[in-house]
Each structure stands twice: as structure tokens, then as C-alpha cells.
Protein backbone atom coordinates (compact mmCIF):
# COMPACT_ATOMS: atom_id res chain seq x y z
CA MET A 1 9.68 -10.99 -17.84
CA ASP A 2 9.43 -8.43 -20.68
CA ASP A 3 10.46 -4.77 -20.54
CA LYS A 4 6.93 -3.63 -19.75
CA ASP A 5 6.66 -5.94 -16.77
CA LYS A 6 10.09 -4.81 -15.57
CA LYS A 7 8.90 -1.22 -15.73
CA TYR A 8 5.93 -2.08 -13.54
CA VAL A 9 8.11 -3.95 -11.05
CA TYR A 10 10.55 -1.13 -10.57
CA ARG A 11 7.97 1.65 -10.45
CA ALA A 12 5.49 -0.01 -8.11
CA ILE A 13 3.71 2.23 -5.64
CA ILE A 14 2.92 -0.31 -2.94
CA THR A 15 5.89 -2.64 -3.28
CA VAL A 16 9.32 -1.34 -4.42
CA VAL A 17 12.54 0.42 -3.05
CA VAL A 18 16.55 3.12 -2.50
CA ILE A 19 19.18 3.90 -0.01
CA ALA A 20 22.91 4.11 0.51
CA ALA A 21 24.39 1.08 2.25
CA PHE A 22 24.84 1.36 6.01
CA GLY A 23 28.05 -0.64 5.70
CA ALA A 24 29.07 -4.27 6.07
CA GLY A 25 30.01 -3.85 9.72
CA PHE A 26 29.65 -1.18 12.37
CA VAL A 27 30.27 1.96 10.42
CA PHE A 28 31.24 4.52 13.02
CA GLY A 29 33.57 4.73 15.99
CA SER A 30 37.09 3.58 16.77
CA ILE A 31 37.67 -0.12 17.23
CA GLU A 32 40.72 0.41 19.46
CA LYS A 33 38.50 1.87 22.18
CA LEU A 34 36.18 -1.13 22.38
CA PRO A 35 36.74 -3.66 25.16
CA HIS A 36 34.27 -5.96 23.38
CA SER A 37 35.47 -5.48 19.83
CA VAL A 38 34.20 -7.43 16.87
CA GLN A 39 36.84 -9.10 14.74
CA GLY A 40 37.07 -8.40 11.05
CA ILE A 41 35.16 -5.10 10.93
CA ILE A 42 35.43 -3.46 7.52
CA ASN A 43 34.20 -0.17 6.01
CA GLN A 44 34.31 1.59 9.38
CA GLU A 45 34.51 5.03 7.80
CA PHE A 46 32.32 4.41 4.74
CA GLY A 47 29.35 6.78 4.63
CA GLN A 48 30.19 8.42 7.96
CA PRO A 49 28.54 11.86 8.36
CA GLU A 50 30.94 14.67 9.16
CA GLU A 51 31.25 15.65 12.84
CA PHE A 52 28.93 12.90 13.99
CA ASP A 53 29.69 11.43 17.42
CA PHE A 54 28.76 7.76 17.41
CA GLY A 55 30.13 7.22 20.93
CA LEU A 56 26.66 6.71 22.44
CA PHE A 57 26.16 3.65 20.26
CA TRP A 58 29.42 2.08 21.42
CA ASP A 59 28.67 2.95 25.05
CA ALA A 60 25.42 1.02 24.79
CA TRP A 61 27.23 -1.82 22.97
CA ASN A 62 29.78 -2.11 25.79
CA GLU A 63 27.21 -1.95 28.58
CA LEU A 64 25.18 -4.67 26.95
CA HIS A 65 28.18 -6.98 26.64
CA ASP A 66 29.34 -6.15 30.18
CA LYS A 67 26.04 -6.62 32.00
CA TYR A 68 23.62 -8.72 29.97
CA VAL A 69 22.72 -11.83 31.93
CA ASP A 70 23.14 -14.27 28.98
CA LYS A 71 26.28 -12.96 27.30
CA ASN A 72 26.83 -16.21 25.44
CA LYS A 73 23.50 -15.71 23.67
CA LEU A 74 24.44 -12.32 22.24
CA SER A 75 24.88 -12.40 18.47
CA ASP A 76 26.88 -9.56 16.96
CA ALA A 77 25.04 -10.00 13.65
CA ASP A 78 21.64 -9.80 15.36
CA LEU A 79 22.75 -6.71 17.25
CA LEU A 80 23.87 -5.09 13.99
CA TYR A 81 20.60 -5.88 12.22
CA GLY A 82 18.65 -4.69 15.25
CA ALA A 83 20.61 -1.44 15.28
CA ILE A 84 19.92 -0.81 11.59
CA SER A 85 16.23 -1.65 12.07
CA GLY A 86 16.04 0.83 14.94
CA MET A 87 17.70 3.52 12.82
CA VAL A 88 15.24 2.94 9.96
CA ASN A 89 12.26 2.87 12.33
CA GLY A 90 13.43 6.24 13.62
CA ALA A 91 12.20 7.74 10.35
CA GLY A 92 8.67 7.23 11.68
CA ASP A 93 7.39 5.88 8.36
CA PRO A 94 5.64 2.46 8.46
CA TYR A 95 6.59 1.82 4.82
CA THR A 96 10.33 2.36 5.31
CA VAL A 97 11.74 -0.96 6.55
CA PHE A 98 15.03 -2.85 6.88
CA PHE A 99 15.12 -6.58 6.10
CA PRO A 100 17.87 -8.82 7.53
CA PRO A 101 19.03 -11.51 5.07
CA ALA A 102 16.43 -14.19 5.93
CA GLU A 103 13.53 -11.74 5.91
CA SER A 104 14.84 -10.12 2.73
CA LYS A 105 14.85 -13.46 0.93
CA SER A 106 11.32 -14.26 2.10
CA PHE A 107 10.02 -10.80 1.16
CA LYS A 108 11.44 -11.02 -2.37
CA GLN A 109 9.97 -14.50 -2.83
CA ASP A 110 6.53 -13.28 -1.72
CA VAL A 111 6.66 -10.27 -4.01
CA GLY A 112 7.78 -12.31 -6.99
CA GLY A 113 5.70 -15.47 -6.77
CA SER A 114 2.50 -17.13 -5.64
CA PHE A 115 1.74 -17.54 -1.96
CA GLY A 116 -0.83 -18.75 0.51
CA GLY A 117 -2.60 -15.93 2.25
CA ILE A 118 -5.95 -14.54 3.37
CA GLY A 119 -6.48 -11.99 0.60
CA ALA A 120 -6.28 -8.70 2.48
CA GLU A 121 -4.08 -5.66 1.95
CA ILE A 122 -2.83 -4.40 5.32
CA GLY A 123 -1.15 -1.20 6.47
CA LYS A 124 -0.70 1.03 9.49
CA LYS A 125 -2.82 3.89 10.78
CA LYS A 126 -1.56 5.82 13.80
CA ASN A 127 0.93 2.99 14.36
CA ILE A 128 -1.85 0.37 14.55
CA LEU A 129 -1.99 -2.53 12.10
CA VAL A 130 -5.23 -2.32 10.07
CA ILE A 131 -6.96 -3.91 7.13
CA ILE A 132 -6.69 -1.60 4.11
CA ALA A 133 -8.92 -3.72 1.91
CA PRO A 134 -10.17 -7.32 1.76
CA LEU A 135 -9.98 -8.61 -1.80
CA GLU A 136 -12.98 -10.10 -3.56
CA ASP A 137 -13.60 -13.84 -3.27
CA THR A 138 -10.86 -14.46 -0.67
CA PRO A 139 -10.81 -15.90 2.87
CA ALA A 140 -10.62 -12.37 4.31
CA LYS A 141 -13.70 -11.17 2.43
CA ARG A 142 -15.69 -14.31 3.25
CA ALA A 143 -14.78 -13.99 6.94
CA GLY A 144 -16.26 -10.48 7.04
CA LEU A 145 -13.04 -8.53 7.44
CA ALA A 146 -13.52 -4.90 6.38
CA ALA A 147 -11.44 -1.82 5.67
CA GLY A 148 -10.33 -0.17 8.91
CA ASP A 149 -10.55 -3.29 11.08
CA LYS A 150 -7.64 -3.38 13.54
CA ILE A 151 -5.40 -6.46 13.76
CA LEU A 152 -4.39 -6.65 17.44
CA LYS A 153 -2.83 -10.13 17.41
CA ILE A 154 -1.62 -12.74 14.93
CA ASN A 155 -1.78 -16.27 16.30
CA GLY A 156 -1.98 -14.83 19.80
CA GLU A 157 1.08 -12.59 19.42
CA PRO A 158 0.54 -8.80 19.78
CA THR A 159 1.15 -6.74 16.64
CA ASP A 160 2.17 -3.52 18.41
CA ASP A 161 5.83 -3.63 17.40
CA LEU A 162 5.46 -5.37 14.04
CA THR A 163 6.17 -3.64 10.76
CA VAL A 164 3.66 -4.17 7.95
CA GLU A 165 6.08 -6.54 6.24
CA GLU A 166 6.66 -8.58 9.41
CA ALA A 167 2.91 -8.90 9.88
CA VAL A 168 2.45 -10.02 6.25
CA LEU A 169 5.09 -12.72 6.68
CA LYS A 170 3.30 -14.02 9.78
CA ILE A 171 -0.10 -14.04 8.08
CA ARG A 172 1.09 -15.75 4.91
CA GLY A 173 1.95 -19.44 4.94
CA GLU A 174 1.33 -22.79 3.41
CA VAL A 175 -1.94 -23.15 1.55
CA GLY A 176 -4.53 -25.00 3.64
CA THR A 177 -3.04 -24.03 7.02
CA GLU A 178 -4.83 -21.68 9.41
CA VAL A 179 -3.97 -18.33 10.91
CA THR A 180 -5.86 -16.69 13.78
CA LEU A 181 -6.30 -12.92 13.81
CA THR A 182 -7.55 -11.02 16.84
CA ILE A 183 -9.67 -8.29 15.29
CA LEU A 184 -11.24 -5.11 16.64
CA LYS A 185 -13.93 -4.14 14.17
CA ASN A 186 -14.04 -0.60 12.83
CA SER A 187 -17.40 0.21 14.37
CA ASP A 188 -18.90 1.67 17.52
CA ASN A 189 -19.10 -0.58 20.62
CA ALA A 190 -16.98 -3.20 18.88
CA LYS A 191 -15.35 -5.98 20.89
CA MET A 192 -12.22 -7.96 20.16
CA LYS A 193 -12.76 -11.33 18.60
CA ASP A 194 -10.61 -14.08 17.17
CA ILE A 195 -11.16 -14.95 13.51
CA VAL A 196 -9.66 -18.17 12.15
CA LEU A 197 -8.86 -18.08 8.44
CA GLU A 198 -7.60 -20.85 6.17
CA ARG A 199 -4.81 -19.71 3.87
CA ALA A 200 -5.46 -20.07 0.17
CA VAL A 201 -3.83 -19.23 -3.15
CA ILE A 202 -4.84 -15.65 -3.78
CA LYS A 203 -6.00 -14.79 -7.27
CA ILE A 204 -6.79 -11.11 -7.47
CA PRO A 205 -9.82 -10.22 -9.62
CA ILE A 206 -9.53 -7.05 -11.70
CA THR A 207 -12.86 -5.89 -13.14
CA LYS A 208 -16.55 -6.71 -13.26
CA ILE A 209 -19.54 -4.92 -14.82
CA GLU A 210 -23.14 -4.86 -13.63
CA SER A 211 -25.96 -3.01 -15.39
CA LEU A 212 -28.20 -0.68 -13.39
CA LYS A 213 -31.34 1.34 -14.11
CA ASP A 214 -32.50 -0.52 -17.20
CA ASN A 215 -28.96 -0.69 -18.56
CA ARG A 216 -28.52 3.08 -18.50
CA ILE A 217 -25.70 2.89 -15.94
CA ALA A 218 -22.61 0.68 -16.07
CA HIS A 219 -21.48 -0.24 -12.56
CA LEU A 220 -17.78 -0.94 -13.16
CA PHE A 221 -16.00 -2.69 -10.30
CA PHE A 222 -12.23 -2.16 -10.41
CA TYR A 223 -10.41 -4.23 -7.79
CA SER A 224 -6.65 -3.83 -8.25
CA PHE A 225 -3.97 -2.07 -10.33
CA THR A 226 -1.88 -5.13 -11.19
CA SER A 227 0.31 -5.42 -14.29
CA THR A 228 -2.52 -7.25 -16.13
CA ALA A 229 -5.13 -4.62 -15.24
CA PRO A 230 -4.77 -2.50 -18.43
CA PHE A 231 -5.75 -5.45 -20.64
CA GLU A 232 -8.69 -6.45 -18.43
CA PHE A 233 -9.85 -2.84 -18.09
CA GLN A 234 -9.71 -2.50 -21.87
CA GLN A 235 -12.11 -5.44 -22.20
CA SER A 236 -14.55 -3.78 -19.79
CA ALA A 237 -14.21 -0.42 -21.54
CA VAL A 238 -14.94 -2.02 -24.93
CA LYS A 239 -18.02 -3.67 -23.46
CA ILE A 240 -19.28 -0.33 -22.16
CA LEU A 241 -18.59 1.39 -25.49
CA SER A 242 -20.33 -1.37 -27.46
CA THR A 243 -23.47 -1.34 -25.28
CA SER A 244 -25.67 1.39 -26.70
CA GLY A 245 -27.83 1.74 -23.58
CA TYR A 246 -25.07 2.88 -21.24
CA LYS A 247 -25.26 6.62 -20.59
CA GLY A 248 -23.10 6.90 -17.48
CA ILE A 249 -20.54 5.01 -15.38
CA ILE A 250 -20.19 4.35 -11.66
CA LEU A 251 -16.51 3.51 -11.17
CA ASP A 252 -16.31 1.42 -8.00
CA LEU A 253 -12.89 1.77 -6.37
CA ARG A 254 -13.99 0.60 -2.93
CA ASN A 255 -11.55 -1.86 -1.33
CA ASN A 256 -9.11 -1.31 -4.19
CA PRO A 257 -5.68 -1.33 -2.46
CA GLY A 258 -3.91 0.13 -5.50
CA GLY A 259 -0.83 -1.21 -7.22
CA TYR A 260 1.37 0.19 -9.96
CA LEU A 261 1.62 3.87 -10.87
CA GLU A 262 2.00 3.14 -14.59
CA VAL A 263 -1.27 1.21 -14.50
CA ALA A 264 -3.07 4.18 -12.91
CA VAL A 265 -1.72 6.44 -15.66
CA ASP A 266 -2.66 3.87 -18.31
CA ILE A 267 -6.24 3.55 -17.02
CA ALA A 268 -6.53 7.34 -16.74
CA GLY A 269 -5.96 7.50 -20.50
CA TRP A 270 -9.48 6.12 -21.01
CA PHE A 271 -11.01 9.09 -19.16
CA PHE A 272 -8.80 12.06 -20.11
CA ASN A 273 -7.39 13.86 -23.11
CA THR A 274 -3.83 13.02 -24.10
CA GLY A 275 -1.49 15.20 -22.06
CA ASP A 276 -3.84 15.75 -19.11
CA LEU A 277 -2.01 15.67 -15.79
CA VAL A 278 -2.73 12.51 -13.77
CA ALA A 279 -0.32 12.72 -10.83
CA ILE A 280 2.77 14.49 -9.52
CA GLU A 281 5.63 12.60 -7.88
CA ASP A 282 7.13 14.85 -5.19
CA PHE A 283 10.63 13.87 -4.03
CA GLY A 284 10.75 16.58 -1.37
CA SER A 285 13.16 19.45 -0.91
CA ASP A 286 16.83 19.07 -1.80
CA ASN A 287 19.05 22.11 -1.20
CA GLY A 288 15.95 24.28 -1.08
CA GLN A 289 14.56 23.01 -4.40
CA ASN A 290 11.60 20.67 -4.75
CA LYS A 291 12.16 17.87 -7.26
CA THR A 292 8.99 16.65 -8.94
CA THR A 293 7.99 14.46 -11.87
CA GLU A 294 4.69 14.79 -13.73
CA PHE A 295 2.71 11.87 -15.16
CA ARG A 296 0.28 12.59 -17.98
CA ALA A 297 -2.40 10.61 -19.78
CA SER A 298 -1.59 9.20 -23.20
CA GLY A 299 -4.71 7.26 -24.21
CA LEU A 300 -7.54 7.94 -26.64
CA GLY A 301 -9.93 9.20 -23.96
CA ALA A 302 -12.65 6.86 -25.24
CA LEU A 303 -14.67 7.14 -22.00
CA LYS A 304 -14.12 10.86 -21.42
CA ASN A 305 -17.61 11.87 -22.56
CA TYR A 306 -19.44 9.53 -20.15
CA PRO A 307 -20.69 11.17 -16.94
CA ILE A 308 -18.96 9.39 -14.05
CA VAL A 309 -19.35 9.02 -10.29
CA VAL A 310 -16.62 7.29 -8.25
CA LEU A 311 -17.25 5.12 -5.18
CA ILE A 312 -14.54 5.19 -2.49
CA ASN A 313 -14.05 3.94 1.07
CA GLN A 314 -11.32 3.35 3.64
CA GLY A 315 -10.04 0.49 1.50
CA THR A 316 -9.38 2.77 -1.49
CA ALA A 317 -5.62 3.28 -1.46
CA SER A 318 -2.50 4.11 -3.45
CA ALA A 319 -3.05 3.97 -7.23
CA ALA A 320 -6.82 3.92 -6.67
CA GLU A 321 -6.54 7.22 -4.81
CA ILE A 322 -4.42 8.67 -7.61
CA LEU A 323 -7.07 7.82 -10.22
CA ALA A 324 -9.94 9.08 -8.05
CA GLY A 325 -8.08 12.32 -7.29
CA ALA A 326 -7.24 12.90 -10.95
CA LEU A 327 -10.87 12.35 -12.00
CA ARG A 328 -12.07 14.90 -9.45
CA ASP A 329 -9.35 17.48 -10.19
CA ASN A 330 -9.53 17.22 -14.00
CA ARG A 331 -13.21 16.54 -14.62
CA GLY A 332 -15.00 17.56 -11.44
CA VAL A 333 -16.11 13.95 -10.91
CA LYS A 334 -17.97 13.47 -7.61
CA LEU A 335 -16.66 11.00 -5.02
CA VAL A 336 -19.22 9.09 -2.96
CA GLY A 337 -18.62 7.00 0.16
CA GLU A 338 -15.99 7.33 2.87
CA LYS A 339 -12.57 8.95 3.26
CA THR A 340 -9.85 6.95 1.51
CA PHE A 341 -6.90 5.27 3.24
CA GLY A 342 -4.19 7.83 2.48
CA LYS A 343 -1.41 5.66 1.00
CA GLY A 344 0.15 8.20 -1.32
CA SER A 345 3.84 7.38 -1.17
CA VAL A 346 6.44 5.59 -3.28
CA GLN A 347 8.79 2.91 -1.99
CA GLU A 348 11.93 1.52 -3.63
CA LEU A 349 13.78 -1.68 -2.68
CA VAL A 350 17.57 -2.00 -2.74
CA THR A 351 19.66 -5.01 -1.83
CA LEU A 352 22.42 -4.21 0.66
CA LYS A 353 25.45 -6.24 1.67
CA ASN A 354 25.05 -9.71 3.20
CA ASP A 355 21.85 -10.09 1.14
CA SER A 356 19.91 -7.78 3.45
CA SER A 357 17.74 -5.08 1.91
CA ILE A 358 15.96 -1.85 2.69
CA LYS A 359 12.63 -0.55 1.52
CA VAL A 360 12.43 3.22 1.82
CA THR A 361 9.86 5.86 0.97
CA VAL A 362 11.40 8.11 -1.68
CA ALA A 363 8.49 10.29 -2.78
CA LYS A 364 4.87 11.27 -2.17
CA TRP A 365 2.03 11.55 -4.65
CA LEU A 366 0.09 14.72 -5.34
CA THR A 367 -3.14 15.07 -7.31
CA PRO A 368 -3.12 17.37 -10.37
CA LYS A 369 -4.14 20.25 -8.07
CA LYS A 370 -1.18 19.38 -5.81
CA TYR A 371 -3.18 17.84 -2.98
CA SER A 372 -1.08 15.33 -1.01
CA ILE A 373 -2.79 11.96 -0.73
CA SER A 374 -0.31 10.60 1.80
CA ASP A 375 -1.79 10.24 5.31
CA SER A 376 -4.69 12.61 4.60
CA GLY A 377 -6.56 10.54 2.01
CA LEU A 378 -9.39 11.90 -0.15
CA GLU A 379 -12.58 13.21 1.42
CA PRO A 380 -15.78 12.23 -0.45
CA ASP A 381 -18.07 14.88 -1.91
CA TYR A 382 -20.97 12.84 -0.52
CA SER A 383 -20.16 11.10 2.75
CA VAL A 384 -22.10 7.84 3.12
CA SER A 385 -21.35 5.00 5.53
CA ILE A 386 -22.34 1.34 5.44
CA THR A 387 -23.47 -0.14 8.76
CA GLU A 388 -23.33 -3.76 9.87
CA ASP A 389 -27.13 -3.83 9.56
CA ASP A 390 -26.79 -2.71 5.93
CA ILE A 391 -24.38 -5.56 5.27
CA THR A 392 -26.62 -8.08 7.04
CA ASN A 393 -29.65 -6.92 5.04
CA GLY A 394 -27.80 -6.78 1.73
CA LYS A 395 -28.11 -3.01 1.41
CA ASP A 396 -25.56 -0.68 -0.21
CA PRO A 397 -26.43 2.95 0.63
CA GLN A 398 -23.19 4.16 -0.98
CA LEU A 399 -24.12 2.67 -4.33
CA GLU A 400 -27.66 4.01 -3.96
CA LYS A 401 -26.29 7.52 -3.43
CA ALA A 402 -23.92 7.16 -6.40
CA VAL A 403 -26.86 6.17 -8.62
CA GLU A 404 -28.84 9.15 -7.35
CA VAL A 405 -25.98 11.58 -8.06
CA LEU A 406 -25.34 10.13 -11.52
CA GLU A 407 -29.01 10.22 -12.49
CA GLU A 408 -29.18 13.89 -11.55
CA ILE A 409 -26.29 14.51 -13.94
CA LEU A 410 -27.87 12.44 -16.71
CA ASN A 411 -31.20 14.25 -16.37
CA GLN A 412 -29.70 17.73 -16.68
């Protein structure tokens, strides 16, 4: 892995991670007072907040050991990991998660290597597990899964209490095996139905170009902000620049679940002047002062003179939202489609003791005009939905509207 790849790994928007260690054992309280003490506790005082009474925790610990019907089945390690998970869940952020050792190992393997899956980015909305975006040419896309669809069960097990990462681990598996999802479609009068999908090796496509309106318009599909996306986007950009007939671009970010921040900034360099603000990383207030970091374009701006319209939907998330927001704020580019997902936060991953780890949200993303993407998403300038009848009949009213808007600009 070269330095550039390392930079992408450690600055990832969707996958990455920071936090102080909770401690190797139970951190707070006095061991002498425990009738059911754990042998070999270390670091009892490490990290302890001042004037913090942890007695309630130990009261619950004692009652559980005193009264639980199957005392011999109680595992002190499991209780510790469960306690830390509960603490982290108390933050109320679906992207801030604790991984016990086994889950931590599996998560790191999935992030770092190939896997068998269904090809869908998933997240949480109002504490419900949902499809963010099905990826092109994957089992999820072929099965008709769509952005906003709710995942109620995985192999018959309810998803109510699952974190996003736990759900991902249940969905992924050996290539060729099947997983059954109980889905509630994101449409009126929808009914629950089971969808059986065969896991496959997921190869994420990056870009594709189609010519519209007698080659006057380049319809540029952009599917994901992976570490290889800058090279593939460059090839598409060169093709647009070398085709004399293209007068405008429809940048299609629908069902683009995002990816790396650096890639979003890199791609933005094709559309902006060097130094233009692309995004603001907001770390929140610390001692009354907001800490922020600005990210600015550094490319040649080779596509900056092309009129552009951007297509978005509920599957447009993370880095895709950053690019769409920057295009609207800096160039007044119109957004067509549906409200985006609202994944505008940064996670970092840190390995704790005992090979456990924690993934915690450390910052939120703002557009150049300081609009927070997180939770709210981006509202389109032209709101256009796609119905099931449209899909059945091969119609794309969102694209039709984007063409209409772009042609109005070109004819001015």
C-alpha cells in the first residue's frame, strides 16, 4: 500500500475511526466493595472522570450475579463488552460503534479485503435499517432493491437492535451462499416481502458515459468515490473534453454511497478553480471554540466551463453529497431528483486493548456555505420522483427533467 492509499484509508468518510481507551477491565468503582469481584482487574482508575459515581453500575453488576437464573453462564468478558457497547450506543449515533475482539477482527478483514455480499450500502434512518444505495450490476440491484427500502429482518432475525456494522456482517458471507432479507419497500401501500439474494464478489463500477441529444449532452454516471475513482474519472473527463459535440454535462450521482473525502476533493478539481472551497470539516465546539478544517480544490478546472446539472436521490450519500453541495454552492449548479441520504459525518477507527476497537464519529461535513449535510441531506432544486410504474416501463423522469433543465441553460 503506497502513501496515497494510506491517506485514503485513514481519511475515509464512510469507513474509518478515534477514542480514548475505556480500560482493560472495569474502570470505575472500588473492588473491595464487590461481593462478586473479578480477579485481576487492572487500570481501575485510568481515565476516570472527576466526581463521577459509578456505584449504579456495580449495583447492577451485583444484582445480576445474585439473581440471574443461569449464573454459571455469565461471562465477565461478555458483560464488559456489553457494558461498553451500551455506553457507546448512548451517544445516539448509528455510526459510532464498539467492536469486541471477534467482531473487530471480522470488520477489519471486510474493510481491507474482498468479500461476498449483495452489493448494497446500508445505513440507519430514524433508527431503522435502510438501503442507502444498491450498486450497479450487483445482486441487490438485480433483485430490485432501492434507496430507502427498509430491512426489517435478516434471515428471519429482526434488525431492530442491530448496528449497521452488525447487519453488514450478517449480510456478508461466503460467495455463492444465500441471505434472505425481509424488505418493506419505500413506497405507498407497500407490504413486507422476503427477498432471497445469492452472495457474490462485489466489484464496484466507477464511471460510465452515455451521449444524449445528438451528442450535445454527456450523461456521466459516477457510482462510487473509491481510491481508484480519480484515475477512472480522469478517463471519462478526457473523453468528454475530446468529444467536440458535448456542450453540457449531466453528472449522475444517484445511488452513489460516497467514499473517501480526498477523492471528492480530487474530483472537485475538475469543476472548480484552484483554491475554491469544497467542504468544511467541523469538529464541534471545544472550550467554546469551534475547530474546523477547510478542503479546497487543486485541479486544473478543465470541466469548469461546461454547464452542469446534477442528479441526486435518497441513495446519494457522503462524498457524493459533498460534491453535489459544493457544485451548487460554488457554481449555482441545479440539483434534480430527490432529497439525499444525509450521511455527512466522519468516522475514525482505533484499536483498543484485547484487540477490540471503536469506531466513533469525530466530525461533520459542511458545504462551502456552511450547510450541514449530516441527517438533513440536500434538497433538490427540482423535486422529481420515480414510481414503480416508471421502473417497470423503463422510464426515467428524473433524467428527463435534468435534460430539460440543461437544455434551457444551453439555449440561453
